[in-house]
């Protein structure tokens, strides 16, 4: 167990007030009792386009091992980002397989080709490239034919969709990662978002 994992477990399970609960536990319990977080991709692109794209079979999650072949600097840069370690925060107890947690801590949860369980689809654990851009299979196909980008449901050519993807999980309840959304979003245009 590494330090980051211990910190995440302690943060979720901490006991820091007289009644035995800290604000972190209260947020977790509120989330577990709230309606299921919507699918980020469906929220960002709309239900009709989402249903059409997924039903077409052209959009499947591939895992970021495929992304690294062309986007090596970003792949390496994200290895130090909290998104690439998001499963560490829910990897124990009741949170590990909870749909309310998995929708934001994995890639493509709730879609036919997305994350299912850590034991079944470890290649899609954490929030990878496709967690923000949508399934990458069509992007890989388009890039191989044109030798350029495109083919993503939430690509850099549509920043409003990308921002919507972020805001599905980064709600006011879970917004500890930034104070200024636009500034945080801009940092992700760089290979290493520091």
N, C-alpha and C. Protein backbone atom coordinates (compact mmCIF):
# COMPACT_ATOMS: atom_id res chain seq x y z
N UNK A 1 0.85 -1.17 0.00
CA UNK A 1 0.00 0.00 0.00
C UNK A 1 0.90 1.24 0.00
N UNK A 2 0.72 2.15 -0.95
CA UNK A 2 1.57 3.32 -1.02
C UNK A 2 1.00 4.48 -0.21
N UNK A 3 1.79 5.54 -0.08
CA UNK A 3 1.39 6.69 0.72
C UNK A 3 0.12 7.33 0.20
N UNK A 4 0.00 7.47 -1.12
CA UNK A 4 -1.18 8.09 -1.71
C UNK A 4 -2.44 7.30 -1.37
N UNK A 5 -2.32 5.96 -1.42
CA UNK A 5 -3.47 5.12 -1.09
C UNK A 5 -3.84 5.27 0.38
N UNK A 6 -2.85 5.27 1.25
CA UNK A 6 -3.12 5.44 2.67
C UNK A 6 -3.78 6.79 2.95
N UNK A 7 -3.30 7.83 2.28
CA UNK A 7 -3.89 9.15 2.45
C UNK A 7 -5.35 9.15 2.00
N UNK A 8 -5.62 8.53 0.86
CA UNK A 8 -7.00 8.48 0.35
C UNK A 8 -7.91 7.72 1.30
N UNK A 9 -7.44 6.59 1.79
CA UNK A 9 -8.26 5.79 2.73
C UNK A 9 -8.49 6.58 4.00
N UNK A 10 -7.45 7.22 4.52
CA UNK A 10 -7.60 8.02 5.74
C UNK A 10 -8.58 9.16 5.52
N UNK A 11 -8.49 9.84 4.38
CA UNK A 11 -9.37 10.95 4.09
C UNK A 11 -10.83 10.51 4.08
N UNK A 12 -11.10 9.37 3.49
CA UNK A 12 -12.48 8.89 3.41
C UNK A 12 -12.98 8.37 4.74
N UNK A 13 -12.12 7.74 5.51
CA UNK A 13 -12.55 7.09 6.74
C UNK A 13 -12.19 7.86 8.00
N UNK A 14 -11.73 9.08 7.88
CA UNK A 14 -11.24 9.81 9.05
C UNK A 14 -12.35 10.03 10.08
N UNK A 15 -11.93 10.06 11.32
CA UNK A 15 -12.82 10.33 12.43
C UNK A 15 -12.26 11.55 13.15
N UNK A 16 -12.88 12.71 12.96
CA UNK A 16 -12.20 13.91 13.46
C UNK A 16 -13.06 14.85 14.27
N UNK A 17 -14.29 14.50 14.59
CA UNK A 17 -15.08 15.36 15.45
C UNK A 17 -15.59 14.54 16.63
N UNK A 18 -16.18 15.22 17.57
CA UNK A 18 -16.64 14.56 18.79
C UNK A 18 -17.66 13.46 18.49
N UNK A 19 -18.50 13.65 17.49
CA UNK A 19 -19.50 12.64 17.18
C UNK A 19 -18.97 11.55 16.26
N UNK A 20 -17.66 11.61 15.91
CA UNK A 20 -17.05 10.54 15.13
C UNK A 20 -17.11 10.72 13.63
N UNK A 21 -17.63 11.83 13.12
CA UNK A 21 -17.71 12.05 11.67
C UNK A 21 -17.04 13.34 11.30
N UNK A 22 -16.35 13.34 10.22
CA UNK A 22 -15.77 14.59 9.72
C UNK A 22 -16.55 15.03 8.49
N UNK A 23 -16.26 16.21 8.01
CA UNK A 23 -17.01 16.72 6.86
C UNK A 23 -16.80 15.84 5.63
N UNK A 24 -15.64 15.18 5.51
CA UNK A 24 -15.39 14.29 4.37
C UNK A 24 -16.36 13.12 4.40
N UNK A 25 -16.55 12.52 5.56
CA UNK A 25 -17.49 11.41 5.67
C UNK A 25 -18.90 11.87 5.37
N UNK A 26 -19.25 13.06 5.80
CA UNK A 26 -20.59 13.57 5.53
C UNK A 26 -20.81 13.74 4.03
N UNK A 27 -19.79 14.25 3.33
CA UNK A 27 -19.91 14.39 1.87
C UNK A 27 -20.07 13.04 1.19
N UNK A 28 -19.28 12.06 1.64
CA UNK A 28 -19.37 10.72 1.06
C UNK A 28 -20.75 10.14 1.31
N UNK A 29 -21.24 10.26 2.53
CA UNK A 29 -22.56 9.70 2.84
C UNK A 29 -23.67 10.43 2.07
N UNK A 30 -23.54 11.74 1.92
CA UNK A 30 -24.52 12.48 1.11
C UNK A 30 -24.53 11.96 -0.32
N UNK A 31 -23.34 11.71 -0.87
CA UNK A 31 -23.25 11.21 -2.24
C UNK A 31 -23.87 9.83 -2.36
N UNK A 32 -23.61 8.97 -1.40
CA UNK A 32 -24.15 7.61 -1.45
C UNK A 32 -25.67 7.59 -1.34
N UNK A 33 -26.22 8.63 -0.74
CA UNK A 33 -27.67 8.71 -0.60
C UNK A 33 -28.34 9.58 -1.66
N UNK A 34 -27.55 10.12 -2.58
CA UNK A 34 -28.10 11.00 -3.62
C UNK A 34 -28.40 10.18 -4.87
N UNK A 35 -29.13 10.77 -5.82
CA UNK A 35 -29.37 10.07 -7.09
C UNK A 35 -28.05 9.78 -7.79
N UNK A 36 -28.04 8.78 -8.62
CA UNK A 36 -26.84 8.38 -9.36
C UNK A 36 -26.35 9.53 -10.23
N UNK A 37 -25.05 9.79 -10.20
CA UNK A 37 -24.46 10.82 -11.06
C UNK A 37 -24.69 10.41 -12.50
N UNK A 38 -25.12 11.33 -13.35
CA UNK A 38 -25.37 10.96 -14.75
C UNK A 38 -24.07 10.61 -15.47
N UNK A 39 -24.21 9.87 -16.53
CA UNK A 39 -23.06 9.53 -17.37
C UNK A 39 -22.48 10.84 -17.90
N UNK A 40 -21.17 11.11 -17.64
CA UNK A 40 -20.59 12.39 -18.08
C UNK A 40 -20.69 12.62 -19.59
N UNK A 41 -20.44 11.59 -20.38
CA UNK A 41 -20.49 11.76 -21.83
C UNK A 41 -21.91 12.08 -22.30
N UNK A 42 -22.88 11.36 -21.77
CA UNK A 42 -24.28 11.61 -22.15
C UNK A 42 -24.70 13.02 -21.75
N UNK A 43 -24.25 13.46 -20.58
CA UNK A 43 -24.58 14.82 -20.14
C UNK A 43 -23.94 15.87 -21.03
N UNK A 44 -22.73 15.61 -21.48
CA UNK A 44 -22.00 16.60 -22.28
C UNK A 44 -22.50 16.71 -23.71
N UNK A 45 -22.86 15.59 -24.33
CA UNK A 45 -23.23 15.66 -25.76
C UNK A 45 -24.73 15.55 -25.99
N UNK A 46 -25.48 15.23 -24.96
CA UNK A 46 -26.92 15.10 -25.10
C UNK A 46 -27.32 13.65 -25.34
N UNK A 47 -28.49 13.30 -24.88
CA UNK A 47 -28.94 11.91 -24.93
C UNK A 47 -29.10 11.38 -26.36
N UNK A 48 -29.64 12.19 -27.26
CA UNK A 48 -29.87 11.71 -28.64
C UNK A 48 -28.55 11.39 -29.35
N UNK A 49 -27.59 12.30 -29.30
CA UNK A 49 -26.30 12.07 -29.95
C UNK A 49 -25.56 10.92 -29.27
N UNK A 50 -25.62 10.86 -27.95
CA UNK A 50 -24.99 9.78 -27.21
C UNK A 50 -25.55 8.43 -27.63
N UNK A 51 -26.87 8.30 -27.63
CA UNK A 51 -27.51 7.03 -28.00
C UNK A 51 -27.16 6.62 -29.43
N UNK A 52 -27.17 7.59 -30.35
CA UNK A 52 -26.83 7.31 -31.75
C UNK A 52 -25.38 6.84 -31.87
N UNK A 53 -24.47 7.55 -31.20
CA UNK A 53 -23.04 7.21 -31.30
C UNK A 53 -22.76 5.83 -30.71
N UNK A 54 -23.28 5.55 -29.54
CA UNK A 54 -23.02 4.26 -28.88
C UNK A 54 -23.67 3.12 -29.66
N UNK A 55 -24.89 3.35 -30.17
CA UNK A 55 -25.58 2.30 -30.94
C UNK A 55 -24.88 2.01 -32.27
N UNK A 56 -24.13 2.98 -32.79
CA UNK A 56 -23.46 2.78 -34.08
C UNK A 56 -22.36 1.73 -34.01
N UNK A 57 -21.82 1.49 -32.83
CA UNK A 57 -20.72 0.54 -32.67
C UNK A 57 -19.37 1.13 -33.06
N UNK A 58 -19.34 2.37 -33.52
CA UNK A 58 -18.09 3.01 -33.93
C UNK A 58 -17.33 3.60 -32.75
N UNK A 59 -17.99 3.76 -31.63
CA UNK A 59 -17.37 4.39 -30.47
C UNK A 59 -17.27 3.37 -29.33
N UNK A 60 -16.05 2.86 -29.13
CA UNK A 60 -15.77 1.91 -28.05
C UNK A 60 -14.57 2.42 -27.26
N UNK A 61 -14.57 2.12 -25.98
CA UNK A 61 -13.43 2.51 -25.13
C UNK A 61 -12.29 1.55 -25.38
N UNK A 62 -11.09 2.11 -25.53
CA UNK A 62 -9.91 1.30 -25.85
C UNK A 62 -8.90 1.26 -24.72
N UNK A 63 -8.92 2.24 -23.83
CA UNK A 63 -7.92 2.34 -22.77
C UNK A 63 -6.78 3.22 -23.20
N UNK A 64 -6.13 3.87 -22.23
CA UNK A 64 -5.11 4.85 -22.60
C UNK A 64 -3.80 4.26 -23.11
N UNK A 65 -3.65 2.94 -23.07
CA UNK A 65 -2.47 2.34 -23.70
C UNK A 65 -2.45 2.61 -25.20
N UNK A 66 -3.63 2.73 -25.78
CA UNK A 66 -3.71 3.08 -27.21
C UNK A 66 -3.39 4.56 -27.42
N UNK A 67 -3.85 5.41 -26.51
CA UNK A 67 -3.62 6.85 -26.63
C UNK A 67 -2.14 7.18 -26.59
N UNK A 68 -1.40 6.46 -25.75
CA UNK A 68 0.02 6.76 -25.57
C UNK A 68 0.83 6.60 -26.84
N UNK A 69 0.33 5.81 -27.79
CA UNK A 69 1.09 5.58 -29.02
C UNK A 69 1.29 6.86 -29.82
N UNK A 70 0.31 7.76 -29.79
CA UNK A 70 0.42 9.03 -30.53
C UNK A 70 0.57 10.24 -29.61
N UNK A 71 0.10 10.11 -28.38
CA UNK A 71 0.07 11.25 -27.45
C UNK A 71 0.96 10.95 -26.24
N UNK A 72 2.19 10.58 -26.50
CA UNK A 72 3.11 10.11 -25.46
C UNK A 72 3.33 11.15 -24.35
N UNK A 73 3.55 12.41 -24.72
CA UNK A 73 3.82 13.45 -23.71
C UNK A 73 2.64 13.62 -22.76
N UNK A 74 1.43 13.61 -23.31
CA UNK A 74 0.25 13.73 -22.46
C UNK A 74 0.08 12.48 -21.59
N UNK A 75 0.31 11.32 -22.16
CA UNK A 75 0.21 10.07 -21.41
C UNK A 75 1.15 10.09 -20.21
N UNK A 76 2.40 10.46 -20.44
CA UNK A 76 3.38 10.51 -19.35
C UNK A 76 3.02 11.61 -18.36
N UNK A 77 2.60 12.76 -18.85
CA UNK A 77 2.22 13.86 -17.97
C UNK A 77 1.06 13.54 -17.06
N UNK A 78 0.14 12.74 -17.53
CA UNK A 78 -1.04 12.39 -16.72
C UNK A 78 -0.73 11.35 -15.65
N UNK A 79 0.39 10.70 -15.73
CA UNK A 79 0.75 9.70 -14.72
C UNK A 79 0.93 10.34 -13.34
N UNK A 80 1.15 11.65 -13.31
CA UNK A 80 1.32 12.36 -12.04
C UNK A 80 0.07 13.15 -11.66
N UNK A 81 -0.96 12.99 -12.41
CA UNK A 81 -2.21 13.72 -12.19
C UNK A 81 -3.16 12.90 -11.33
N UNK A 82 -3.97 13.56 -10.51
CA UNK A 82 -4.91 12.85 -9.63
C UNK A 82 -5.92 12.02 -10.40
N UNK A 83 -6.26 12.43 -11.61
CA UNK A 83 -7.22 11.66 -12.41
C UNK A 83 -6.70 10.24 -12.65
N UNK A 84 -5.40 10.11 -12.88
CA UNK A 84 -4.82 8.80 -13.17
C UNK A 84 -4.70 7.92 -11.93
N UNK A 85 -5.07 8.45 -10.79
CA UNK A 85 -5.04 7.69 -9.54
C UNK A 85 -6.39 7.74 -8.82
N UNK A 86 -7.44 8.04 -9.56
CA UNK A 86 -8.74 8.26 -8.94
C UNK A 86 -9.33 7.01 -8.29
N UNK A 87 -8.98 5.83 -8.76
CA UNK A 87 -9.49 4.60 -8.13
C UNK A 87 -8.88 4.38 -6.75
N UNK A 88 -7.71 4.96 -6.49
CA UNK A 88 -7.08 4.83 -5.17
C UNK A 88 -8.00 5.36 -4.08
N UNK A 89 -8.80 6.37 -4.42
CA UNK A 89 -9.65 7.01 -3.43
C UNK A 89 -10.90 6.20 -3.07
N UNK A 90 -11.22 5.21 -3.89
CA UNK A 90 -12.42 4.41 -3.61
C UNK A 90 -12.13 2.91 -3.59
N UNK A 91 -10.87 2.54 -3.49
CA UNK A 91 -10.50 1.13 -3.67
C UNK A 91 -10.76 0.24 -2.47
N UNK A 92 -11.38 0.76 -1.46
CA UNK A 92 -11.65 -0.10 -0.30
C UNK A 92 -13.13 -0.09 0.07
N UNK A 93 -13.55 -1.15 0.70
CA UNK A 93 -14.88 -1.25 1.27
C UNK A 93 -16.02 -1.05 0.31
N UNK A 94 -17.04 -0.37 0.80
CA UNK A 94 -18.29 -0.21 0.07
C UNK A 94 -18.18 0.68 -1.16
N UNK A 95 -17.11 1.44 -1.29
CA UNK A 95 -16.97 2.37 -2.40
C UNK A 95 -16.44 1.70 -3.67
N UNK A 96 -15.71 0.62 -3.52
CA UNK A 96 -14.98 -0.03 -4.61
C UNK A 96 -15.86 -0.36 -5.82
N UNK A 97 -17.06 -0.86 -5.57
CA UNK A 97 -17.95 -1.25 -6.66
C UNK A 97 -19.25 -0.46 -6.68
N UNK A 98 -19.26 0.68 -6.04
CA UNK A 98 -20.47 1.48 -5.94
C UNK A 98 -20.65 2.32 -7.22
N UNK A 99 -21.75 2.16 -7.92
CA UNK A 99 -21.98 2.92 -9.17
C UNK A 99 -21.88 4.43 -8.99
N UNK A 100 -22.28 4.94 -7.83
CA UNK A 100 -22.21 6.38 -7.59
C UNK A 100 -20.76 6.87 -7.59
N UNK A 101 -19.85 5.99 -7.19
CA UNK A 101 -18.43 6.34 -7.16
C UNK A 101 -17.77 6.05 -8.51
N UNK A 102 -18.11 4.91 -9.08
CA UNK A 102 -17.43 4.46 -10.30
C UNK A 102 -17.67 5.37 -11.49
N UNK A 103 -18.80 6.02 -11.56
CA UNK A 103 -19.10 6.87 -12.71
C UNK A 103 -18.08 8.01 -12.84
N UNK A 104 -17.50 8.46 -11.73
CA UNK A 104 -16.52 9.54 -11.78
C UNK A 104 -15.08 9.08 -11.53
N UNK A 105 -14.90 7.88 -11.05
CA UNK A 105 -13.55 7.41 -10.72
C UNK A 105 -13.01 6.39 -11.72
N UNK A 106 -13.73 6.14 -12.80
CA UNK A 106 -13.28 5.20 -13.83
C UNK A 106 -13.57 5.79 -15.20
N UNK A 107 -13.28 5.04 -16.24
CA UNK A 107 -13.47 5.52 -17.61
C UNK A 107 -14.59 4.74 -18.30
N UNK A 108 -15.64 5.44 -18.65
CA UNK A 108 -16.73 4.84 -19.42
C UNK A 108 -17.68 3.96 -18.63
N UNK A 109 -17.70 4.11 -17.31
CA UNK A 109 -18.60 3.28 -16.52
C UNK A 109 -20.06 3.49 -16.97
N UNK A 110 -20.78 2.41 -17.10
CA UNK A 110 -22.19 2.48 -17.49
C UNK A 110 -22.41 2.47 -18.99
N UNK A 111 -21.35 2.32 -19.78
CA UNK A 111 -21.50 2.21 -21.23
C UNK A 111 -21.13 0.79 -21.64
N UNK A 112 -21.59 0.33 -22.79
CA UNK A 112 -21.34 -1.06 -23.20
C UNK A 112 -19.87 -1.47 -23.24
N UNK A 113 -18.97 -0.58 -23.61
CA UNK A 113 -17.55 -0.95 -23.72
C UNK A 113 -16.70 -0.33 -22.62
N UNK A 114 -17.33 0.29 -21.62
CA UNK A 114 -16.60 0.98 -20.57
C UNK A 114 -16.26 0.11 -19.38
N UNK A 115 -15.78 0.77 -18.34
CA UNK A 115 -15.38 0.11 -17.10
C UNK A 115 -16.55 -0.64 -16.49
N UNK A 116 -16.27 -1.85 -15.98
CA UNK A 116 -17.29 -2.66 -15.29
C UNK A 116 -16.89 -2.82 -13.82
N UNK A 117 -15.84 -3.55 -13.58
CA UNK A 117 -15.27 -3.77 -12.25
C UNK A 117 -13.76 -3.85 -12.41
N UNK A 118 -13.03 -3.54 -11.36
CA UNK A 118 -11.58 -3.57 -11.42
C UNK A 118 -11.05 -4.93 -11.85
N UNK A 119 -11.72 -5.98 -11.41
CA UNK A 119 -11.28 -7.34 -11.76
C UNK A 119 -11.57 -7.68 -13.23
N UNK A 120 -12.57 -7.05 -13.82
CA UNK A 120 -12.95 -7.37 -15.20
C UNK A 120 -12.35 -6.43 -16.24
N UNK A 121 -12.24 -5.16 -15.91
CA UNK A 121 -11.76 -4.17 -16.87
C UNK A 121 -10.71 -3.24 -16.26
N UNK A 122 -9.60 -3.78 -15.76
CA UNK A 122 -8.59 -2.93 -15.13
C UNK A 122 -7.99 -1.90 -16.08
N UNK A 123 -8.03 -2.17 -17.38
CA UNK A 123 -7.45 -1.23 -18.35
C UNK A 123 -8.24 0.06 -18.44
N UNK A 124 -9.44 0.11 -17.85
CA UNK A 124 -10.26 1.32 -17.87
C UNK A 124 -10.46 1.91 -16.47
N UNK A 125 -9.63 1.48 -15.52
CA UNK A 125 -9.74 2.06 -14.18
C UNK A 125 -9.12 3.46 -14.20
N UNK A 126 -9.49 4.27 -13.27
CA UNK A 126 -9.07 5.67 -13.16
C UNK A 126 -9.72 6.50 -14.27
N UNK A 127 -9.51 7.81 -14.21
CA UNK A 127 -10.04 8.71 -15.24
C UNK A 127 -8.93 8.91 -16.26
N UNK A 128 -9.05 8.21 -17.36
CA UNK A 128 -8.04 8.24 -18.41
C UNK A 128 -8.43 9.25 -19.49
N UNK A 129 -7.68 9.27 -20.57
CA UNK A 129 -7.95 10.18 -21.70
C UNK A 129 -9.42 10.11 -22.13
N UNK A 130 -9.92 8.89 -22.29
CA UNK A 130 -11.29 8.70 -22.77
C UNK A 130 -12.33 9.08 -21.72
N UNK A 131 -11.91 9.22 -20.47
CA UNK A 131 -12.82 9.68 -19.43
C UNK A 131 -13.27 11.10 -19.68
N UNK A 132 -12.46 11.87 -20.38
CA UNK A 132 -12.79 13.25 -20.73
C UNK A 132 -13.23 13.42 -22.19
N UNK A 133 -12.66 12.61 -23.07
CA UNK A 133 -12.91 12.79 -24.50
C UNK A 133 -13.93 11.82 -25.08
N UNK A 134 -14.34 10.83 -24.32
CA UNK A 134 -15.25 9.81 -24.84
C UNK A 134 -14.47 8.68 -25.49
N UNK A 135 -15.17 7.64 -25.94
CA UNK A 135 -14.53 6.46 -26.51
C UNK A 135 -13.56 6.83 -27.64
N UNK A 136 -12.41 6.15 -27.68
CA UNK A 136 -11.36 6.51 -28.62
C UNK A 136 -11.25 5.69 -29.88
N UNK A 137 -12.06 4.66 -30.03
CA UNK A 137 -11.89 3.77 -31.20
C UNK A 137 -12.06 4.51 -32.52
N UNK A 138 -13.03 5.39 -32.61
CA UNK A 138 -13.25 6.13 -33.86
C UNK A 138 -12.12 7.15 -34.10
N UNK A 139 -11.62 7.74 -33.04
CA UNK A 139 -10.49 8.67 -33.15
C UNK A 139 -9.27 7.95 -33.73
N UNK A 140 -9.02 6.75 -33.23
CA UNK A 140 -7.88 5.96 -33.73
C UNK A 140 -8.07 5.66 -35.22
N UNK A 141 -9.28 5.30 -35.60
CA UNK A 141 -9.58 4.99 -37.00
C UNK A 141 -9.40 6.23 -37.89
N UNK A 142 -9.96 7.35 -37.48
CA UNK A 142 -9.87 8.59 -38.26
C UNK A 142 -8.42 9.04 -38.36
N UNK A 143 -7.69 8.99 -37.24
CA UNK A 143 -6.29 9.43 -37.24
C UNK A 143 -5.43 8.55 -38.14
N UNK A 144 -5.72 7.25 -38.18
CA UNK A 144 -4.92 6.37 -39.03
C UNK A 144 -5.20 6.60 -40.52
N UNK A 145 -6.39 7.02 -40.85
CA UNK A 145 -6.74 7.29 -42.25
C UNK A 145 -6.25 8.65 -42.71
N UNK A 146 -6.41 9.66 -41.87
CA UNK A 146 -6.08 11.03 -42.25
C UNK A 146 -4.70 11.47 -41.77
N UNK A 147 -4.13 10.73 -40.86
CA UNK A 147 -2.88 11.12 -40.21
C UNK A 147 -3.05 12.42 -39.41
N UNK A 148 -4.30 12.73 -39.04
CA UNK A 148 -4.59 13.89 -38.19
C UNK A 148 -5.62 13.46 -37.15
N UNK A 149 -6.00 14.41 -36.30
CA UNK A 149 -6.95 14.12 -35.23
C UNK A 149 -8.39 14.13 -35.69
N UNK A 150 -9.29 14.14 -34.72
CA UNK A 150 -10.72 14.13 -34.97
C UNK A 150 -11.32 12.80 -34.55
N UNK A 151 -12.61 12.68 -34.70
CA UNK A 151 -13.28 11.43 -34.40
C UNK A 151 -13.62 11.20 -32.94
N UNK A 152 -13.48 12.24 -32.10
CA UNK A 152 -13.85 12.13 -30.70
C UNK A 152 -15.19 12.81 -30.45
N UNK A 153 -15.94 12.27 -29.53
CA UNK A 153 -17.23 12.88 -29.20
C UNK A 153 -17.06 14.15 -28.36
N UNK A 154 -15.97 14.25 -27.63
CA UNK A 154 -15.67 15.44 -26.83
C UNK A 154 -14.20 15.80 -27.03
N UNK A 155 -13.86 16.20 -28.23
CA UNK A 155 -12.47 16.52 -28.56
C UNK A 155 -12.15 17.96 -28.27
N UNK A 156 -10.88 18.32 -28.47
CA UNK A 156 -10.44 19.68 -28.19
C UNK A 156 -11.08 20.69 -29.15
N UNK A 157 -11.67 20.20 -30.23
CA UNK A 157 -12.37 21.09 -31.16
C UNK A 157 -13.72 21.55 -30.60
N UNK A 158 -14.14 20.97 -29.48
CA UNK A 158 -15.40 21.36 -28.86
C UNK A 158 -15.20 21.55 -27.35
N UNK A 159 -14.57 22.68 -26.96
CA UNK A 159 -14.26 22.89 -25.54
C UNK A 159 -15.49 22.94 -24.63
N UNK A 160 -16.62 23.36 -25.15
CA UNK A 160 -17.81 23.41 -24.30
C UNK A 160 -18.23 22.00 -23.87
N UNK A 161 -18.11 21.04 -24.75
CA UNK A 161 -18.41 19.65 -24.38
C UNK A 161 -17.43 19.15 -23.33
N UNK A 162 -16.16 19.46 -23.53
CA UNK A 162 -15.15 19.04 -22.56
C UNK A 162 -15.43 19.63 -21.19
N UNK A 163 -15.79 20.89 -21.15
CA UNK A 163 -16.10 21.54 -19.88
C UNK A 163 -17.32 20.90 -19.22
N UNK A 164 -18.30 20.53 -20.02
CA UNK A 164 -19.48 19.84 -19.46
C UNK A 164 -19.08 18.49 -18.88
N UNK A 165 -18.16 17.80 -19.54
CA UNK A 165 -17.67 16.51 -19.03
C UNK A 165 -17.06 16.73 -17.64
N UNK A 166 -16.22 17.74 -17.50
CA UNK A 166 -15.57 18.03 -16.21
C UNK A 166 -16.60 18.28 -15.12
N UNK A 167 -17.59 19.10 -15.45
CA UNK A 167 -18.53 19.58 -14.44
C UNK A 167 -19.54 18.53 -13.98
N UNK A 168 -19.63 17.41 -14.68
CA UNK A 168 -20.51 16.35 -14.20
C UNK A 168 -19.96 15.77 -12.90
N UNK A 169 -18.67 15.57 -12.84
CA UNK A 169 -18.06 15.01 -11.63
C UNK A 169 -17.55 16.08 -10.68
N UNK A 170 -17.03 17.16 -11.21
CA UNK A 170 -16.50 18.24 -10.36
C UNK A 170 -17.64 19.19 -10.00
N UNK A 171 -18.53 18.70 -9.15
CA UNK A 171 -19.65 19.49 -8.66
C UNK A 171 -19.19 20.30 -7.45
N UNK A 172 -20.06 21.13 -6.93
CA UNK A 172 -19.70 21.91 -5.75
C UNK A 172 -19.36 21.00 -4.57
N UNK A 173 -19.95 19.83 -4.50
CA UNK A 173 -19.67 18.90 -3.40
C UNK A 173 -18.26 18.34 -3.49
N UNK A 174 -17.80 18.10 -4.70
CA UNK A 174 -16.49 17.45 -4.88
C UNK A 174 -15.43 18.37 -5.44
N UNK A 175 -15.67 19.64 -5.47
CA UNK A 175 -14.77 20.58 -6.11
C UNK A 175 -13.63 21.02 -5.19
N UNK A 176 -12.74 20.10 -4.86
CA UNK A 176 -11.58 20.45 -4.04
C UNK A 176 -10.35 20.66 -4.91
N UNK A 177 -10.44 20.36 -6.18
CA UNK A 177 -9.25 20.38 -7.03
C UNK A 177 -8.96 21.75 -7.65
N UNK A 178 -9.89 22.66 -7.58
CA UNK A 178 -9.64 23.98 -8.15
C UNK A 178 -10.61 24.99 -7.57
N UNK A 179 -10.19 26.25 -7.60
CA UNK A 179 -11.07 27.34 -7.18
C UNK A 179 -11.60 28.09 -8.38
N UNK A 180 -10.81 28.11 -9.45
CA UNK A 180 -11.17 28.82 -10.68
C UNK A 180 -11.23 27.79 -11.81
N UNK A 181 -12.43 27.42 -12.22
CA UNK A 181 -12.60 26.36 -13.21
C UNK A 181 -11.86 26.67 -14.51
N UNK A 182 -11.98 27.88 -15.02
CA UNK A 182 -11.34 28.22 -16.30
C UNK A 182 -9.83 28.06 -16.24
N UNK A 183 -9.24 28.46 -15.13
CA UNK A 183 -7.79 28.32 -14.97
C UNK A 183 -7.39 26.85 -14.92
N UNK A 184 -8.13 26.06 -14.16
CA UNK A 184 -7.84 24.62 -14.07
C UNK A 184 -8.02 23.95 -15.43
N UNK A 185 -9.08 24.30 -16.13
CA UNK A 185 -9.34 23.73 -17.45
C UNK A 185 -8.19 24.07 -18.42
N UNK A 186 -7.72 25.31 -18.38
CA UNK A 186 -6.64 25.75 -19.28
C UNK A 186 -5.36 24.96 -19.05
N UNK A 187 -5.09 24.59 -17.83
CA UNK A 187 -3.87 23.84 -17.51
C UNK A 187 -3.86 22.48 -18.21
N UNK A 188 -5.03 21.92 -18.48
CA UNK A 188 -5.10 20.61 -19.11
C UNK A 188 -4.81 20.63 -20.60
N UNK A 189 -4.56 21.81 -21.15
CA UNK A 189 -4.13 21.90 -22.55
C UNK A 189 -2.66 21.55 -22.68
N UNK A 190 -1.95 21.56 -21.55
CA UNK A 190 -0.53 21.23 -21.53
C UNK A 190 -0.36 19.76 -21.19
N UNK A 191 0.76 19.22 -21.60
CA UNK A 191 1.04 17.80 -21.34
C UNK A 191 1.11 17.50 -19.86
N UNK A 192 1.62 18.42 -19.06
CA UNK A 192 1.69 18.25 -17.61
C UNK A 192 0.88 19.37 -16.98
N UNK A 193 -0.34 19.08 -16.49
CA UNK A 193 -1.24 20.13 -15.98
C UNK A 193 -0.90 20.56 -14.56
N UNK A 194 0.17 21.31 -14.36
CA UNK A 194 0.54 21.77 -13.00
C UNK A 194 0.15 23.21 -12.83
